């Protein structure tokens, strides 16, 4: 059985304040499943939309990943809680 992950909760912040996530980014976060908790598919999908996106390098709990996205020259941190999906 292979595991996949999807985002279940997102907390966004920009310059230490809460921020509104653009709809196209939210669509990726809600619909893109990932093969690992490092979320490479989400980073690739956001990059494909033209955003500069990268995974947070700081250690996170196993069910969380931080993704930095640059929007209009402002960096936004998306703290994503991941849900494990079991595939048969």
PDB file of N, CA and C in Angstrom:
ATOM      1  N   UNK A   1       0.849  -1.182   0.000  1.00  0.00           N
ATOM      2  CA  UNK A   1       0.000   0.000   0.000  1.00  0.00           C
ATOM      3  C   UNK A   1       0.894   1.245   0.000  1.00  0.00           C
ATOM      4  N   UNK A   2       0.583   2.169  -0.850  1.00  0.00           N
ATOM      5  CA  UNK A   2       1.309   3.434  -0.909  1.00  0.00           C
ATOM      6  C   UNK A   2       0.505   4.505  -0.193  1.00  0.00           C
ATOM      7  N   UNK A   3       1.208   5.416   0.460  1.00  0.00           N
ATOM      8  CA  UNK A   3       0.531   6.537   1.095  1.00  0.00           C
ATOM      9  C   UNK A   3       0.675   7.767   0.215  1.00  0.00           C
ATOM     10  N   UNK A   4      -0.371   8.568   0.231  1.00  0.00           N
ATOM     11  CA  UNK A   4      -0.313   9.882  -0.374  1.00  0.00           C
ATOM     12  C   UNK A   4      -0.823  10.859   0.662  1.00  0.00           C
ATOM     13  N   UNK A   5      -0.539  12.126   0.419  1.00  0.00           N
ATOM     14  CA  UNK A   5      -0.887  13.178   1.361  1.00  0.00           C
ATOM     15  C   UNK A   5      -1.652  14.269   0.644  1.00  0.00           C
ATOM     16  N   UNK A   6      -2.516  14.935   1.406  1.00  0.00           N
ATOM     17  CA  UNK A   6      -3.174  16.124   0.881  1.00  0.00           C
ATOM     18  C   UNK A   6      -3.254  17.145   2.006  1.00  0.00           C
ATOM     19  N   UNK A   7      -3.380  18.404   1.600  1.00  0.00           N
ATOM     20  CA  UNK A   7      -3.454  19.491   2.574  1.00  0.00           C
ATOM     21  C   UNK A   7      -4.858  19.524   3.167  1.00  0.00           C
ATOM     22  N   UNK A   8      -4.932  19.566   4.494  1.00  0.00           N
ATOM     23  CA  UNK A   8      -6.240  19.650   5.148  1.00  0.00           C
ATOM     24  C   UNK A   8      -6.476  21.013   5.788  1.00  0.00           C
ATOM     25  N   UNK A   9      -5.396  21.703   6.193  1.00  0.00           N
ATOM     26  CA  UNK A   9      -5.508  23.011   6.837  1.00  0.00           C
ATOM     27  C   UNK A   9      -4.340  23.876   6.370  1.00  0.00           C
ATOM     28  N   UNK A  10      -4.620  25.168   6.126  1.00  0.00           N
ATOM     29  CA  UNK A  10      -3.567  26.105   5.717  1.00  0.00           C
ATOM     30  C   UNK A  10      -3.619  27.340   6.606  1.00  0.00           C
ATOM     31  N   UNK A  11      -2.457  27.744   7.094  1.00  0.00           N
ATOM     32  CA  UNK A  11      -2.307  29.008   7.812  1.00  0.00           C
ATOM     33  C   UNK A  11      -1.298  29.824   7.019  1.00  0.00           C
ATOM     34  N   UNK A  12      -1.708  30.989   6.541  1.00  0.00           N
ATOM     35  CA  UNK A  12      -0.836  31.826   5.725  1.00  0.00           C
ATOM     36  C   UNK A  12      -0.412  33.055   6.506  1.00  0.00           C
ATOM     37  N   UNK A  13       0.869  33.411   6.360  1.00  0.00           N
ATOM     38  CA  UNK A  13       1.345  34.637   6.995  1.00  0.00           C
ATOM     39  C   UNK A  13       2.334  35.329   6.066  1.00  0.00           C
ATOM     40  N   UNK A  14       2.308  36.648   6.142  1.00  0.00           N
ATOM     41  CA  UNK A  14       3.215  37.474   5.360  1.00  0.00           C
ATOM     42  C   UNK A  14       3.718  38.580   6.282  1.00  0.00           C
ATOM     43  N   UNK A  15       5.021  38.669   6.429  1.00  0.00           N
ATOM     44  CA  UNK A  15       5.634  39.634   7.347  1.00  0.00           C
ATOM     45  C   UNK A  15       5.078  39.503   8.766  1.00  0.00           C
ATOM     46  N   UNK A  16       4.842  38.265   9.173  1.00  0.00           N
ATOM     47  CA  UNK A  16       4.378  38.006  10.522  1.00  0.00           C
ATOM     48  C   UNK A  16       2.902  38.250  10.755  1.00  0.00           C
ATOM     49  N   UNK A  17       2.166  38.636   9.719  1.00  0.00           N
ATOM     50  CA  UNK A  17       0.730  38.882   9.857  1.00  0.00           C
ATOM     51  C   UNK A  17      -0.026  37.874   9.004  1.00  0.00           C
ATOM     52  N   UNK A  18      -1.274  37.586   9.374  1.00  0.00           N
ATOM     53  CA  UNK A  18      -2.062  36.666   8.565  1.00  0.00           C
ATOM     54  C   UNK A  18      -2.279  37.288   7.195  1.00  0.00           C
ATOM     55  N   UNK A  19      -2.425  36.430   6.193  1.00  0.00           N
ATOM     56  CA  UNK A  19      -2.534  36.911   4.822  1.00  0.00           C
ATOM     57  C   UNK A  19      -3.609  36.131   4.078  1.00  0.00           C
ATOM     58  N   UNK A  20      -4.139  36.727   3.031  1.00  0.00           N
ATOM     59  CA  UNK A  20      -5.138  36.063   2.201  1.00  0.00           C
ATOM     60  C   UNK A  20      -4.433  35.338   1.062  1.00  0.00           C
ATOM     61  N   UNK A  21      -4.766  34.071   0.889  1.00  0.00           N
ATOM     62  CA  UNK A  21      -4.141  33.246  -0.138  1.00  0.00           C
ATOM     63  C   UNK A  21      -4.942  33.386  -1.438  1.00  0.00           C
ATOM     64  N   UNK A  22      -4.269  33.683  -2.558  1.00  0.00           N
ATOM     65  CA  UNK A  22      -4.972  33.778  -3.839  1.00  0.00           C
ATOM     66  C   UNK A  22      -5.703  32.474  -4.187  1.00  0.00           C
ATOM     67  N   UNK A  23      -6.795  32.597  -4.931  1.00  0.00           N
ATOM     68  CA  UNK A  23      -7.635  31.438  -5.252  1.00  0.00           C
ATOM     69  C   UNK A  23      -6.900  30.347  -6.008  1.00  0.00           C
ATOM     70  N   UNK A  24      -6.042  30.728  -6.965  1.00  0.00           N
ATOM     71  CA  UNK A  24      -5.357  29.693  -7.738  1.00  0.00           C
ATOM     72  C   UNK A  24      -4.405  28.876  -6.863  1.00  0.00           C
ATOM     73  N   UNK A  25      -3.800  29.523  -5.872  1.00  0.00           N
ATOM     74  CA  UNK A  25      -2.944  28.795  -4.938  1.00  0.00           C
ATOM     75  C   UNK A  25      -3.796  27.878  -4.056  1.00  0.00           C
ATOM     76  N   UNK A  26      -4.914  28.375  -3.568  1.00  0.00           N
ATOM     77  CA  UNK A  26      -5.800  27.536  -2.740  1.00  0.00           C
ATOM     78  C   UNK A  26      -6.297  26.331  -3.528  1.00  0.00           C
ATOM     79  N   UNK A  27      -6.583  26.512  -4.810  1.00  0.00           N
ATOM     80  CA  UNK A  27      -7.048  25.393  -5.644  1.00  0.00           C
ATOM     81  C   UNK A  27      -5.974  24.305  -5.705  1.00  0.00           C
ATOM     82  N   UNK A  28      -4.722  24.706  -5.859  1.00  0.00           N
ATOM     83  CA  UNK A  28      -3.628  23.725  -5.868  1.00  0.00           C
ATOM     84  C   UNK A  28      -3.543  23.035  -4.511  1.00  0.00           C
ATOM     85  N   UNK A  29      -3.584  23.804  -3.429  1.00  0.00           N
ATOM     86  CA  UNK A  29      -3.469  23.221  -2.091  1.00  0.00           C
ATOM     87  C   UNK A  29      -4.596  22.240  -1.797  1.00  0.00           C
ATOM     88  N   UNK A  30      -5.793  22.542  -2.274  1.00  0.00           N
ATOM     89  CA  UNK A  30      -6.940  21.674  -1.994  1.00  0.00           C
ATOM     90  C   UNK A  30      -6.976  20.435  -2.885  1.00  0.00           C
ATOM     91  N   UNK A  31      -6.449  20.532  -4.096  1.00  0.00           N
ATOM     92  CA  UNK A  31      -6.642  19.448  -5.066  1.00  0.00           C
ATOM     93  C   UNK A  31      -5.422  18.589  -5.347  1.00  0.00           C
ATOM     94  N   UNK A  32      -4.238  19.077  -5.046  1.00  0.00           N
ATOM     95  CA  UNK A  32      -3.024  18.336  -5.397  1.00  0.00           C
ATOM     96  C   UNK A  32      -2.649  17.349  -4.303  1.00  0.00           C
ATOM     97  N   UNK A  33      -2.587  16.072  -4.644  1.00  0.00           N
ATOM     98  CA  UNK A  33      -2.110  15.064  -3.710  1.00  0.00           C
ATOM     99  C   UNK A  33      -0.603  14.968  -3.853  1.00  0.00           C
ATOM    100  N   UNK A  34       0.077  14.566  -2.772  1.00  0.00           N
ATOM    101  CA  UNK A  34       1.537  14.505  -2.753  1.00  0.00           C
ATOM    102  C   UNK A  34       2.002  13.101  -2.419  1.00  0.00           C
ATOM    103  N   UNK A  35       3.145  12.729  -2.989  1.00  0.00           N
ATOM    104  CA  UNK A  35       3.700  11.401  -2.750  1.00  0.00           C
ATOM    105  C   UNK A  35       4.502  11.330  -1.451  1.00  0.00           C
ATOM    106  N   UNK A  36       4.955  12.487  -0.957  1.00  0.00           N
ATOM    107  CA  UNK A  36       5.711  12.534   0.297  1.00  0.00           C
ATOM    108  C   UNK A  36       5.241  13.744   1.105  1.00  0.00           C
ATOM    109  N   UNK A  37       5.519  13.760   2.404  1.00  0.00           N
ATOM    110  CA  UNK A  37       5.132  14.924   3.210  1.00  0.00           C
ATOM    111  C   UNK A  37       5.954  16.172   2.895  1.00  0.00           C
ATOM    112  N   UNK A  38       6.921  16.078   1.993  1.00  0.00           N
ATOM    113  CA  UNK A  38       7.697  17.249   1.589  1.00  0.00           C
ATOM    114  C   UNK A  38       6.992  18.043   0.493  1.00  0.00           C
ATOM    115  N   UNK A  39       5.879  17.527  -0.009  1.00  0.00           N
ATOM    116  CA  UNK A  39       4.988  18.222  -0.950  1.00  0.00           C
ATOM    117  C   UNK A  39       5.659  18.690  -2.248  1.00  0.00           C
ATOM    118  N   UNK A  40       6.473  17.841  -2.903  1.00  0.00           N
ATOM    119  CA  UNK A  40       7.121  18.294  -4.138  1.00  0.00           C
ATOM    120  C   UNK A  40       6.128  18.606  -5.255  1.00  0.00           C
ATOM    121  N   UNK A  41       5.018  17.896  -5.288  1.00  0.00           N
ATOM    122  CA  UNK A  41       4.013  18.133  -6.333  1.00  0.00           C
ATOM    123  C   UNK A  41       3.342  19.494  -6.175  1.00  0.00           C
ATOM    124  N   UNK A  42       3.145  19.929  -4.935  1.00  0.00           N
ATOM    125  CA  UNK A  42       2.545  21.251  -4.701  1.00  0.00           C
ATOM    126  C   UNK A  42       3.523  22.343  -5.118  1.00  0.00           C
ATOM    127  N   UNK A  43       4.775  22.204  -4.743  1.00  0.00           N
ATOM    128  CA  UNK A  43       5.785  23.196  -5.121  1.00  0.00           C
ATOM    129  C   UNK A  43       5.884  23.274  -6.644  1.00  0.00           C
ATOM    130  N   UNK A  44       5.883  22.126  -7.318  1.00  0.00           N
ATOM    131  CA  UNK A  44       5.965  22.097  -8.783  1.00  0.00           C
ATOM    132  C   UNK A  44       4.728  22.733  -9.418  1.00  0.00           C
ATOM    133  N   UNK A  45       3.545  22.446  -8.878  1.00  0.00           N
ATOM    134  CA  UNK A  45       2.310  23.016  -9.433  1.00  0.00           C
ATOM    135  C   UNK A  45       2.278  24.534  -9.260  1.00  0.00           C
ATOM    136  N   UNK A  46       2.704  25.028  -8.107  1.00  0.00           N
ATOM    137  CA  UNK A  46       2.741  26.477  -7.882  1.00  0.00           C
ATOM    138  C   UNK A  46       3.769  27.138  -8.797  1.00  0.00           C
ATOM    139  N   UNK A  47       4.903  26.492  -8.979  1.00  0.00           N
ATOM    140  CA  UNK A  47       5.909  27.012  -9.902  1.00  0.00           C
ATOM    141  C   UNK A  47       5.364  27.033 -11.328  1.00  0.00           C
ATOM    142  N   UNK A  48       4.595  26.015 -11.683  1.00  0.00           N
ATOM    143  CA  UNK A  48       3.974  25.949 -13.004  1.00  0.00           C
ATOM    144  C   UNK A  48       2.976  27.068 -13.248  1.00  0.00           C
ATOM    145  N   UNK A  49       2.409  27.598 -12.165  1.00  0.00           N
ATOM    146  CA  UNK A  49       1.484  28.733 -12.281  1.00  0.00           C
ATOM    147  C   UNK A  49       2.236  30.066 -12.352  1.00  0.00           C
ATOM    148  N   UNK A  50       3.559  30.012 -12.246  1.00  0.00           N
ATOM    149  CA  UNK A  50       4.354  31.233 -12.339  1.00  0.00           C
ATOM    150  C   UNK A  50       4.798  31.813 -11.009  1.00  0.00           C
ATOM    151  N   UNK A  51       4.488  31.145  -9.920  1.00  0.00           N
ATOM    152  CA  UNK A  51       4.928  31.618  -8.607  1.00  0.00           C
ATOM    153  C   UNK A  51       6.328  31.088  -8.307  1.00  0.00           C
ATOM    154  N   UNK A  52       7.071  31.836  -7.524  1.00  0.00           N
ATOM    155  CA  UNK A  52       8.337  31.341  -6.990  1.00  0.00           C
ATOM    156  C   UNK A  52       7.961  30.627  -5.691  1.00  0.00           C
ATOM    157  N   UNK A  53       8.119  29.318  -5.685  1.00  0.00           N
ATOM    158  CA  UNK A  53       7.693  28.520  -4.529  1.00  0.00           C
ATOM    159  C   UNK A  53       8.832  27.598  -4.100  1.00  0.00           C
ATOM    160  N   UNK A  54       8.961  27.425  -2.798  1.00  0.00           N
ATOM    161  CA  UNK A  54       9.958  26.501  -2.262  1.00  0.00           C
ATOM    162  C   UNK A  54       9.489  26.003  -0.901  1.00  0.00           C
ATOM    163  N   UNK A  55       9.951  24.819  -0.555  1.00  0.00           N
ATOM    164  CA  UNK A  55       9.596  24.232   0.733  1.00  0.00           C
ATOM    165  C   UNK A  55      10.439  24.858   1.829  1.00  0.00           C
ATOM    166  N   UNK A  56       9.828  25.103   2.966  1.00  0.00           N
ATOM    167  CA  UNK A  56      10.519  25.607   4.164  1.00  0.00           C
ATOM    168  C   UNK A  56      11.565  24.573   4.578  1.00  0.00           C
ATOM    169  N   UNK A  57      12.765  25.029   4.861  1.00  0.00           N
ATOM    170  CA  UNK A  57      13.851  24.122   5.219  1.00  0.00           C
ATOM    171  C   UNK A  57      13.880  23.774   6.708  1.00  0.00           C
ATOM    172  N   UNK A  58      13.187  24.559   7.522  1.00  0.00           N
ATOM    173  CA  UNK A  58      13.151  24.271   8.961  1.00  0.00           C
ATOM    174  C   UNK A  58      12.401  22.968   9.206  1.00  0.00           C
ATOM    175  N   UNK A  59      12.835  22.175  10.172  1.00  0.00           N
ATOM    176  CA  UNK A  59      12.132  20.931  10.483  1.00  0.00           C
ATOM    177  C   UNK A  59      10.692  21.207  10.921  1.00  0.00           C
ATOM    178  N   UNK A  60       9.801  20.350  10.487  1.00  0.00           N
ATOM    179  CA  UNK A  60       8.389  20.455  10.840  1.00  0.00           C
ATOM    180  C   UNK A  60       7.923  19.122  11.403  1.00  0.00           C
ATOM    181  N   UNK A  61       6.816  19.131  12.140  1.00  0.00           N
ATOM    182  CA  UNK A  61       6.238  17.844  12.537  1.00  0.00           C
ATOM    183  C   UNK A  61       5.911  17.020  11.289  1.00  0.00           C
ATOM    184  N   UNK A  62       5.803  15.717  11.454  1.00  0.00           N
ATOM    185  CA  UNK A  62       5.606  14.813  10.316  1.00  0.00           C
ATOM    186  C   UNK A  62       4.362  15.136   9.494  1.00  0.00           C
ATOM    187  N   UNK A  63       3.350  15.738  10.110  1.00  0.00           N
ATOM    188  CA  UNK A  63       2.108  15.999   9.388  1.00  0.00           C
ATOM    189  C   UNK A  63       1.995  17.446   8.915  1.00  0.00           C
ATOM    190  N   UNK A  64       3.115  18.173   8.855  1.00  0.00           N
ATOM    191  CA  UNK A  64       3.076  19.567   8.426  1.00  0.00           C
ATOM    192  C   UNK A  64       4.208  19.860   7.460  1.00  0.00           C
ATOM    193  N   UNK A  65       3.967  20.832   6.575  1.00  0.00           N
ATOM    194  CA  UNK A  65       5.009  21.321   5.687  1.00  0.00           C
ATOM    195  C   UNK A  65       4.802  22.820   5.507  1.00  0.00           C
ATOM    196  N   UNK A  66       5.899  23.553   5.474  1.00  0.00           N
ATOM    197  CA  UNK A  66       5.836  24.982   5.199  1.00  0.00           C
ATOM    198  C   UNK A  66       6.265  25.227   3.761  1.00  0.00           C
ATOM    199  N   UNK A  67       5.518  26.046   3.040  1.00  0.00           N
ATOM    200  CA  UNK A  67       5.849  26.374   1.652  1.00  0.00           C
ATOM    201  C   UNK A  67       5.901  27.891   1.522  1.00  0.00           C
ATOM    202  N   UNK A  68       7.035  28.401   1.050  1.00  0.00           N
ATOM    203  CA  UNK A  68       7.187  29.817   0.791  1.00  0.00           C
ATOM    204  C   UNK A  68       6.757  30.104  -0.640  1.00  0.00           C
ATOM    205  N   UNK A  69       5.939  31.128  -0.819  1.00  0.00           N
ATOM    206  CA  UNK A  69       5.491  31.547  -2.143  1.00  0.00           C
ATOM    207  C   UNK A  69       5.692  33.055  -2.233  1.00  0.00           C
ATOM    208  N   UNK A  70       6.231  33.515  -3.368  1.00  0.00           N
ATOM    209  CA  UNK A  70       6.387  34.948  -3.591  1.00  0.00           C
ATOM    210  C   UNK A  70       5.227  35.431  -4.446  1.00  0.00           C
ATOM    211  N   UNK A  71       4.478  36.410  -3.908  1.00  0.00           N
ATOM    212  CA  UNK A  71       3.310  36.974  -4.585  1.00  0.00           C
ATOM    213  C   UNK A  71       3.501  38.486  -4.634  1.00  0.00           C
ATOM    214  N   UNK A  72       3.568  39.031  -5.834  1.00  0.00           N
ATOM    215  CA  UNK A  72       3.772  40.477  -6.001  1.00  0.00           C
ATOM    216  C   UNK A  72       4.947  40.978  -5.163  1.00  0.00           C
ATOM    217  N   UNK A  73       6.072  40.296  -5.264  1.00  0.00           N
ATOM    218  CA  UNK A  73       7.312  40.642  -4.577  1.00  0.00           C
ATOM    219  C   UNK A  73       7.236  40.510  -3.058  1.00  0.00           C
ATOM    220  N   UNK A  74       6.168  39.946  -2.522  1.00  0.00           N
ATOM    221  CA  UNK A  74       6.034  39.707  -1.083  1.00  0.00           C
ATOM    222  C   UNK A  74       6.099  38.204  -0.812  1.00  0.00           C
ATOM    223  N   UNK A  75       6.878  37.819   0.173  1.00  0.00           N
ATOM    224  CA  UNK A  75       6.958  36.409   0.545  1.00  0.00           C
ATOM    225  C   UNK A  75       5.816  36.060   1.485  1.00  0.00           C
ATOM    226  N   UNK A  76       5.204  34.918   1.224  1.00  0.00           N
ATOM    227  CA  UNK A  76       4.112  34.413   2.069  1.00  0.00           C
ATOM    228  C   UNK A  76       4.472  32.991   2.469  1.00  0.00           C
ATOM    229  N   UNK A  77       4.324  32.698   3.755  1.00  0.00           N
ATOM    230  CA  UNK A  77       4.559  31.351   4.255  1.00  0.00           C
ATOM    231  C   UNK A  77       3.219  30.649   4.409  1.00  0.00           C
ATOM    232  N   UNK A  78       3.089  29.511   3.752  1.00  0.00           N
ATOM    233  CA  UNK A  78       1.898  28.685   3.868  1.00  0.00           C
ATOM    234  C   UNK A  78       2.242  27.503   4.758  1.00  0.00           C
ATOM    235  N   UNK A  79       1.704  27.510   5.968  1.00  0.00           N
ATOM    236  CA  UNK A  79       1.904  26.391   6.881  1.00  0.00           C
ATOM    237  C   UNK A  79       0.769  25.410   6.622  1.00  0.00           C
ATOM    238  N   UNK A  80       1.097  24.266   6.060  1.00  0.00           N
ATOM    239  CA  UNK A  80       0.086  23.296   5.642  1.00  0.00           C
ATOM    240  C   UNK A  80       0.092  22.081   6.559  1.00  0.00           C
ATOM    241  N   UNK A  81      -1.080  21.733   7.058  1.00  0.00           N
ATOM    242  CA  UNK A  81      -1.236  20.492   7.800  1.00  0.00           C
ATOM    243  C   UNK A  81      -1.653  19.430   6.795  1.00  0.00           C
ATOM    244  N   UNK A  82      -1.004  18.284   6.849  1.00  0.00           N
ATOM    245  CA  UNK A  82      -1.240  17.231   5.872  1.00  0.00           C
ATOM    246  C   UNK A  82      -2.084  16.100   6.461  1.00  0.00           C
ATOM    247  N   UNK A  83      -2.903  15.554   5.605  1.00  0.00           N
ATOM    248  CA  UNK A  83      -3.736  14.405   5.941  1.00  0.00           C
ATOM    249  C   UNK A  83      -3.215  13.231   5.119  1.00  0.00           C
ATOM    250  N   UNK A  84      -3.071  12.078   5.752  1.00  0.00           N
ATOM    251  CA  UNK A  84      -2.586  10.882   5.051  1.00  0.00           C
ATOM    252  C   UNK A  84      -3.759  10.192   4.370  1.00  0.00           C
ATOM    253  N   UNK A  85      -3.566   9.887   3.093  1.00  0.00           N
ATOM    254  CA  UNK A  85      -4.553   9.140   2.332  1.00  0.00           C
ATOM    255  C   UNK A  85      -3.966   7.752   2.066  1.00  0.00           C
ATOM    256  N   UNK A  86      -4.704   6.711   2.304  1.00  0.00           N
ATOM    257  CA  UNK A  86      -4.217   5.355   2.026  1.00  0.00           C
ATOM    258  C   UNK A  86      -4.709   4.927   0.653  1.00  0.00           C
ATOM    259  N   UNK A  87      -3.804   4.446  -0.162  1.00  0.00           N
ATOM    260  CA  UNK A  87      -4.158   3.943  -1.475  1.00  0.00           C
ATOM    261  C   UNK A  87      -3.911   2.442  -1.503  1.00  0.00           C
ATOM    262  N   UNK A  88      -4.784   1.741  -2.171  1.00  0.00           N
ATOM    263  CA  UNK A  88      -4.626   0.287  -2.265  1.00  0.00           C
ATOM    264  C   UNK A  88      -4.156  -0.108  -3.634  1.00  0.00           C
TER     265      UNK A  88
END
